[in-house]
Amino acid sequence: MEFISTPEDDTCMARMKVDERNRQPFGFLSGGASLALAENVAGVGSSALCPGCACVGIEVSGSHVQAVSEGDTVTAYARLQHSGKTLHVWQVDIKNSAGELISTVRVTNYVIKTKGK
């Protein structure tokens, strides 16, 4: 997975190659791998907004709308929908290399203040 910096504080992006590590036996990107990508990119975004805090996913819900074959690369585009003191909600759209929507995922992160912060 490759994280890509963005100029806005409320967005985050990451790329992932579809290969033998994240595909189904049929040669398509696993839905679980898509959800993991979305949770990771949203977690990085929340962590960037809250340095020194632990940001953990508490809910991930996605819809997969198109298959992606092994060899392609997908990009997750995360945009912050809500930023509270303890909860962040992210909308993550995952697209293939042609820019077509593959999955749309909603991630809720819980922000835990560490001791002394």
N, C-alpha and C. Protein backbone atom coordinates (compact mmCIF):
# COMPACT_ATOMS: atom_id res chain seq x y z
N MET A 1 0.84 -1.16 0.00
CA MET A 1 0.00 0.00 0.00
C MET A 1 0.90 1.23 0.00
N GLU A 2 0.51 2.20 -0.79
CA GLU A 2 1.27 3.45 -0.91
C GLU A 2 0.35 4.61 -0.54
N PHE A 3 0.72 5.38 0.49
CA PHE A 3 -0.06 6.55 0.87
C PHE A 3 0.41 7.74 0.06
N ILE A 4 -0.54 8.59 -0.33
CA ILE A 4 -0.26 9.75 -1.17
C ILE A 4 -0.69 11.00 -0.41
N SER A 5 0.20 11.96 -0.26
CA SER A 5 -0.16 13.18 0.45
C SER A 5 -1.09 14.03 -0.41
N THR A 6 -1.98 14.75 0.28
CA THR A 6 -2.92 15.65 -0.41
C THR A 6 -2.81 17.03 0.22
N PRO A 7 -3.16 18.07 -0.51
CA PRO A 7 -3.02 19.42 0.03
C PRO A 7 -4.08 19.77 1.07
N GLU A 8 -5.19 19.07 1.10
CA GLU A 8 -6.27 19.39 2.02
C GLU A 8 -6.15 18.53 3.28
N ASP A 9 -6.54 19.12 4.44
CA ASP A 9 -6.51 18.39 5.71
C ASP A 9 -7.61 17.34 5.79
N ASP A 10 -8.68 17.51 5.02
CA ASP A 10 -9.82 16.61 5.15
C ASP A 10 -9.84 15.50 4.10
N THR A 11 -8.72 15.28 3.42
CA THR A 11 -8.65 14.20 2.43
C THR A 11 -7.38 13.38 2.63
N CYS A 12 -7.45 12.15 2.16
CA CYS A 12 -6.32 11.24 2.26
C CYS A 12 -6.46 10.23 1.10
N MET A 13 -5.34 9.82 0.55
CA MET A 13 -5.37 8.87 -0.57
C MET A 13 -4.33 7.77 -0.36
N ALA A 14 -4.64 6.58 -0.90
CA ALA A 14 -3.69 5.48 -0.87
C ALA A 14 -3.93 4.60 -2.09
N ARG A 15 -2.86 3.97 -2.59
CA ARG A 15 -2.94 3.04 -3.73
C ARG A 15 -2.56 1.64 -3.29
N MET A 16 -3.17 0.66 -3.96
CA MET A 16 -2.85 -0.74 -3.67
C MET A 16 -2.91 -1.55 -4.96
N LYS A 17 -1.87 -2.31 -5.22
CA LYS A 17 -1.81 -3.21 -6.37
C LYS A 17 -2.63 -4.46 -6.05
N VAL A 18 -3.40 -4.94 -7.01
CA VAL A 18 -4.16 -6.18 -6.83
C VAL A 18 -3.26 -7.33 -7.26
N ASP A 19 -2.91 -8.18 -6.28
CA ASP A 19 -2.02 -9.30 -6.57
C ASP A 19 -2.41 -10.51 -5.71
N GLU A 20 -1.53 -11.50 -5.65
CA GLU A 20 -1.85 -12.76 -4.95
C GLU A 20 -2.09 -12.55 -3.45
N ARG A 21 -1.65 -11.43 -2.88
CA ARG A 21 -1.84 -11.17 -1.46
C ARG A 21 -3.24 -10.69 -1.11
N ASN A 22 -3.99 -10.14 -2.06
CA ASN A 22 -5.28 -9.54 -1.74
C ASN A 22 -6.40 -9.91 -2.71
N ARG A 23 -6.18 -10.97 -3.48
CA ARG A 23 -7.22 -11.38 -4.44
C ARG A 23 -7.92 -12.64 -3.96
N GLN A 24 -9.12 -12.84 -4.50
CA GLN A 24 -9.86 -14.08 -4.28
C GLN A 24 -9.25 -15.18 -5.16
N PRO A 25 -9.62 -16.43 -4.93
CA PRO A 25 -9.12 -17.51 -5.79
C PRO A 25 -9.52 -17.32 -7.27
N PHE A 26 -10.56 -16.52 -7.52
CA PHE A 26 -11.03 -16.28 -8.89
C PHE A 26 -10.21 -15.23 -9.62
N GLY A 27 -9.27 -14.55 -8.91
CA GLY A 27 -8.43 -13.55 -9.55
C GLY A 27 -8.92 -12.12 -9.40
N PHE A 28 -9.95 -11.91 -8.59
CA PHE A 28 -10.50 -10.56 -8.37
C PHE A 28 -10.11 -10.05 -6.98
N LEU A 29 -10.05 -8.73 -6.84
CA LEU A 29 -9.77 -8.10 -5.55
C LEU A 29 -10.79 -8.56 -4.53
N SER A 30 -10.31 -8.97 -3.37
CA SER A 30 -11.19 -9.41 -2.28
C SER A 30 -11.91 -8.20 -1.68
N GLY A 31 -13.18 -8.38 -1.37
CA GLY A 31 -13.94 -7.32 -0.72
C GLY A 31 -13.35 -6.96 0.63
N GLY A 32 -12.82 -7.95 1.34
CA GLY A 32 -12.19 -7.69 2.63
C GLY A 32 -10.95 -6.83 2.50
N ALA A 33 -10.20 -7.02 1.41
CA ALA A 33 -9.01 -6.20 1.17
C ALA A 33 -9.42 -4.76 0.89
N SER A 34 -10.52 -4.57 0.19
CA SER A 34 -11.03 -3.21 -0.07
C SER A 34 -11.41 -2.52 1.23
N LEU A 35 -12.09 -3.25 2.11
CA LEU A 35 -12.49 -2.67 3.39
C LEU A 35 -11.27 -2.36 4.25
N ALA A 36 -10.27 -3.23 4.22
CA ALA A 36 -9.03 -2.98 4.98
C ALA A 36 -8.31 -1.75 4.45
N LEU A 37 -8.26 -1.59 3.13
CA LEU A 37 -7.65 -0.40 2.53
C LEU A 37 -8.38 0.85 2.99
N ALA A 38 -9.71 0.82 2.95
CA ALA A 38 -10.50 1.99 3.37
C ALA A 38 -10.27 2.32 4.84
N GLU A 39 -10.25 1.30 5.70
CA GLU A 39 -10.04 1.55 7.12
C GLU A 39 -8.65 2.11 7.38
N ASN A 40 -7.67 1.61 6.66
CA ASN A 40 -6.30 2.10 6.83
C ASN A 40 -6.16 3.56 6.40
N VAL A 41 -6.70 3.91 5.24
CA VAL A 41 -6.54 5.29 4.76
C VAL A 41 -7.31 6.26 5.67
N ALA A 42 -8.47 5.86 6.15
CA ALA A 42 -9.22 6.71 7.09
C ALA A 42 -8.48 6.83 8.42
N GLY A 43 -7.84 5.76 8.86
CA GLY A 43 -7.07 5.80 10.10
C GLY A 43 -5.87 6.73 10.01
N VAL A 44 -5.20 6.71 8.87
CA VAL A 44 -4.08 7.62 8.66
C VAL A 44 -4.58 9.07 8.67
N GLY A 45 -5.73 9.30 8.05
CA GLY A 45 -6.29 10.65 8.03
C GLY A 45 -6.63 11.15 9.42
N SER A 46 -7.28 10.30 10.23
CA SER A 46 -7.63 10.69 11.60
C SER A 46 -6.37 10.91 12.44
N SER A 47 -5.38 10.06 12.27
CA SER A 47 -4.13 10.20 13.02
C SER A 47 -3.42 11.51 12.67
N ALA A 48 -3.49 11.91 11.41
CA ALA A 48 -2.87 13.17 10.98
C ALA A 48 -3.57 14.37 11.60
N LEU A 49 -4.89 14.25 11.79
CA LEU A 49 -5.66 15.35 12.39
C LEU A 49 -5.50 15.41 13.91
N CYS A 50 -5.12 14.30 14.52
CA CYS A 50 -5.04 14.22 15.98
C CYS A 50 -3.71 13.63 16.42
N PRO A 51 -2.61 14.35 16.24
CA PRO A 51 -1.30 13.82 16.64
C PRO A 51 -1.28 13.45 18.12
N GLY A 52 -0.64 12.34 18.43
CA GLY A 52 -0.53 11.90 19.81
C GLY A 52 -1.73 11.13 20.31
N CYS A 53 -2.78 11.01 19.51
CA CYS A 53 -3.96 10.24 19.89
C CYS A 53 -3.93 8.89 19.19
N ALA A 54 -4.63 7.94 19.76
CA ALA A 54 -4.83 6.65 19.11
C ALA A 54 -6.17 6.71 18.38
N CYS A 55 -6.17 6.49 17.09
CA CYS A 55 -7.39 6.53 16.28
C CYS A 55 -7.68 5.12 15.79
N VAL A 56 -8.81 4.57 16.22
CA VAL A 56 -9.13 3.18 15.88
C VAL A 56 -10.49 3.10 15.20
N GLY A 57 -10.58 2.22 14.22
CA GLY A 57 -11.84 2.02 13.52
C GLY A 57 -12.84 1.29 14.40
N ILE A 58 -14.07 1.82 14.47
CA ILE A 58 -15.11 1.14 15.25
C ILE A 58 -16.27 0.67 14.37
N GLU A 59 -16.33 1.16 13.13
CA GLU A 59 -17.35 0.69 12.20
C GLU A 59 -16.86 0.89 10.78
N VAL A 60 -17.01 -0.15 9.97
CA VAL A 60 -16.67 -0.09 8.55
C VAL A 60 -17.81 -0.75 7.79
N SER A 61 -18.35 -0.04 6.82
CA SER A 61 -19.46 -0.57 6.03
C SER A 61 -19.24 -0.19 4.56
N GLY A 62 -19.28 -1.17 3.68
CA GLY A 62 -19.01 -0.88 2.29
C GLY A 62 -19.91 -1.60 1.32
N SER A 63 -19.98 -1.05 0.13
CA SER A 63 -20.68 -1.66 -0.99
C SER A 63 -19.70 -1.81 -2.14
N HIS A 64 -19.61 -3.00 -2.66
CA HIS A 64 -18.72 -3.29 -3.79
C HIS A 64 -19.56 -3.30 -5.05
N VAL A 65 -19.21 -2.45 -6.01
CA VAL A 65 -20.06 -2.27 -7.18
C VAL A 65 -19.45 -2.80 -8.47
N GLN A 66 -18.16 -3.13 -8.44
CA GLN A 66 -17.51 -3.63 -9.66
C GLN A 66 -16.29 -4.45 -9.27
N ALA A 67 -15.98 -5.48 -10.04
CA ALA A 67 -14.81 -6.31 -9.77
C ALA A 67 -13.54 -5.67 -10.35
N VAL A 68 -12.41 -6.00 -9.71
CA VAL A 68 -11.10 -5.55 -10.19
C VAL A 68 -10.23 -6.78 -10.35
N SER A 69 -9.62 -6.94 -11.52
CA SER A 69 -8.80 -8.11 -11.80
C SER A 69 -7.38 -7.95 -11.27
N GLU A 70 -6.76 -9.07 -10.98
CA GLU A 70 -5.37 -9.09 -10.55
C GLU A 70 -4.52 -8.37 -11.60
N GLY A 71 -3.56 -7.58 -11.13
CA GLY A 71 -2.69 -6.81 -12.02
C GLY A 71 -3.06 -5.34 -12.08
N ASP A 72 -4.32 -5.02 -11.76
CA ASP A 72 -4.75 -3.62 -11.75
C ASP A 72 -4.32 -2.97 -10.43
N THR A 73 -4.43 -1.67 -10.36
CA THR A 73 -4.15 -0.92 -9.13
C THR A 73 -5.40 -0.15 -8.76
N VAL A 74 -5.73 -0.14 -7.47
CA VAL A 74 -6.88 0.63 -7.00
C VAL A 74 -6.37 1.80 -6.15
N THR A 75 -7.15 2.89 -6.15
CA THR A 75 -6.83 4.06 -5.36
C THR A 75 -8.02 4.37 -4.47
N ALA A 76 -7.73 4.56 -3.17
CA ALA A 76 -8.76 4.93 -2.19
C ALA A 76 -8.69 6.43 -1.95
N TYR A 77 -9.82 7.09 -2.13
CA TYR A 77 -9.94 8.53 -1.91
C TYR A 77 -10.83 8.74 -0.69
N ALA A 78 -10.25 9.18 0.42
CA ALA A 78 -11.01 9.36 1.66
C ALA A 78 -11.26 10.84 1.90
N ARG A 79 -12.50 11.16 2.27
CA ARG A 79 -12.85 12.55 2.60
C ARG A 79 -13.57 12.54 3.95
N LEU A 80 -13.11 13.42 4.83
CA LEU A 80 -13.69 13.54 6.16
C LEU A 80 -15.11 14.11 6.07
N GLN A 81 -16.05 13.41 6.68
CA GLN A 81 -17.45 13.86 6.68
C GLN A 81 -17.83 14.52 8.01
N HIS A 82 -17.20 14.04 9.10
CA HIS A 82 -17.48 14.59 10.43
C HIS A 82 -16.21 14.51 11.26
N SER A 83 -15.89 15.61 11.95
CA SER A 83 -14.73 15.64 12.82
C SER A 83 -15.16 16.15 14.19
N GLY A 84 -15.40 15.23 15.11
CA GLY A 84 -15.76 15.59 16.48
C GLY A 84 -14.59 15.36 17.41
N LYS A 85 -14.81 15.56 18.70
CA LYS A 85 -13.74 15.37 19.68
C LYS A 85 -13.36 13.90 19.82
N THR A 86 -14.34 13.01 19.67
CA THR A 86 -14.04 11.59 19.85
C THR A 86 -14.38 10.72 18.64
N LEU A 87 -15.11 11.25 17.68
CA LEU A 87 -15.48 10.46 16.50
C LEU A 87 -15.15 11.19 15.21
N HIS A 88 -14.61 10.46 14.25
CA HIS A 88 -14.41 10.95 12.88
C HIS A 88 -15.15 10.00 11.95
N VAL A 89 -15.84 10.55 10.98
CA VAL A 89 -16.53 9.74 9.97
C VAL A 89 -15.93 10.09 8.61
N TRP A 90 -15.50 9.06 7.89
CA TRP A 90 -14.87 9.22 6.58
C TRP A 90 -15.70 8.52 5.51
N GLN A 91 -15.77 9.12 4.33
CA GLN A 91 -16.33 8.50 3.14
C GLN A 91 -15.16 8.14 2.24
N VAL A 92 -15.03 6.87 1.91
CA VAL A 92 -13.90 6.41 1.10
C VAL A 92 -14.43 5.80 -0.19
N ASP A 93 -14.03 6.36 -1.32
CA ASP A 93 -14.37 5.79 -2.63
C ASP A 93 -13.11 5.13 -3.19
N ILE A 94 -13.25 3.89 -3.60
CA ILE A 94 -12.13 3.14 -4.18
C ILE A 94 -12.38 3.00 -5.67
N LYS A 95 -11.38 3.40 -6.47
CA LYS A 95 -11.52 3.38 -7.93
C LYS A 95 -10.40 2.56 -8.55
N ASN A 96 -10.69 2.00 -9.73
CA ASN A 96 -9.66 1.25 -10.46
C ASN A 96 -8.78 2.22 -11.25
N SER A 97 -7.83 1.67 -12.00
CA SER A 97 -6.89 2.54 -12.73
C SER A 97 -7.56 3.34 -13.84
N ALA A 98 -8.77 2.93 -14.26
CA ALA A 98 -9.52 3.68 -15.26
C ALA A 98 -10.39 4.76 -14.62
N GLY A 99 -10.35 4.87 -13.28
CA GLY A 99 -11.15 5.87 -12.60
C GLY A 99 -12.58 5.46 -12.32
N GLU A 100 -12.90 4.18 -12.51
CA GLU A 100 -14.26 3.69 -12.28
C GLU A 100 -14.43 3.30 -10.81
N LEU A 101 -15.60 3.60 -10.26
CA LEU A 101 -15.88 3.27 -8.87
C LEU A 101 -15.93 1.76 -8.68
N ILE A 102 -15.20 1.27 -7.68
CA ILE A 102 -15.15 -0.15 -7.36
C ILE A 102 -15.93 -0.42 -6.08
N SER A 103 -15.65 0.37 -5.05
CA SER A 103 -16.32 0.23 -3.76
C SER A 103 -16.51 1.61 -3.14
N THR A 104 -17.56 1.74 -2.36
CA THR A 104 -17.77 2.94 -1.57
C THR A 104 -17.91 2.48 -0.13
N VAL A 105 -17.14 3.12 0.76
CA VAL A 105 -17.02 2.63 2.14
C VAL A 105 -17.16 3.80 3.11
N ARG A 106 -17.86 3.56 4.20
CA ARG A 106 -17.99 4.54 5.28
C ARG A 106 -17.23 3.99 6.48
N VAL A 107 -16.33 4.80 7.04
CA VAL A 107 -15.50 4.38 8.17
C VAL A 107 -15.71 5.36 9.32
N THR A 108 -15.99 4.82 10.52
CA THR A 108 -16.07 5.63 11.73
C THR A 108 -14.87 5.28 12.61
N ASN A 109 -14.11 6.31 12.97
CA ASN A 109 -12.95 6.14 13.85
C ASN A 109 -13.23 6.75 15.21
N TYR A 110 -12.76 6.06 16.24
CA TYR A 110 -12.83 6.57 17.61
C TYR A 110 -11.48 7.16 17.95
N VAL A 111 -11.47 8.41 18.44
CA VAL A 111 -10.24 9.10 18.78
C VAL A 111 -10.02 9.00 20.28
N ILE A 112 -8.92 8.35 20.66
CA ILE A 112 -8.61 8.13 22.07
C ILE A 112 -7.45 9.04 22.46
N LYS A 113 -7.70 9.91 23.41
CA LYS A 113 -6.63 10.79 23.90
C LYS A 113 -5.71 9.95 24.78
N THR A 114 -4.42 10.01 24.50
CA THR A 114 -3.45 9.26 25.31
C THR A 114 -3.15 10.05 26.57
N LYS A 115 -2.66 9.37 27.56
CA LYS A 115 -2.37 10.01 28.85
C LYS A 115 -1.36 11.15 28.65
N GLY A 116 -1.61 12.24 29.33
CA GLY A 116 -0.70 13.38 29.26
C GLY A 116 -0.97 14.29 28.06
N LYS A 117 -1.97 13.99 27.26
CA LYS A 117 -2.26 14.82 26.07
C LYS A 117 -3.49 15.66 26.30
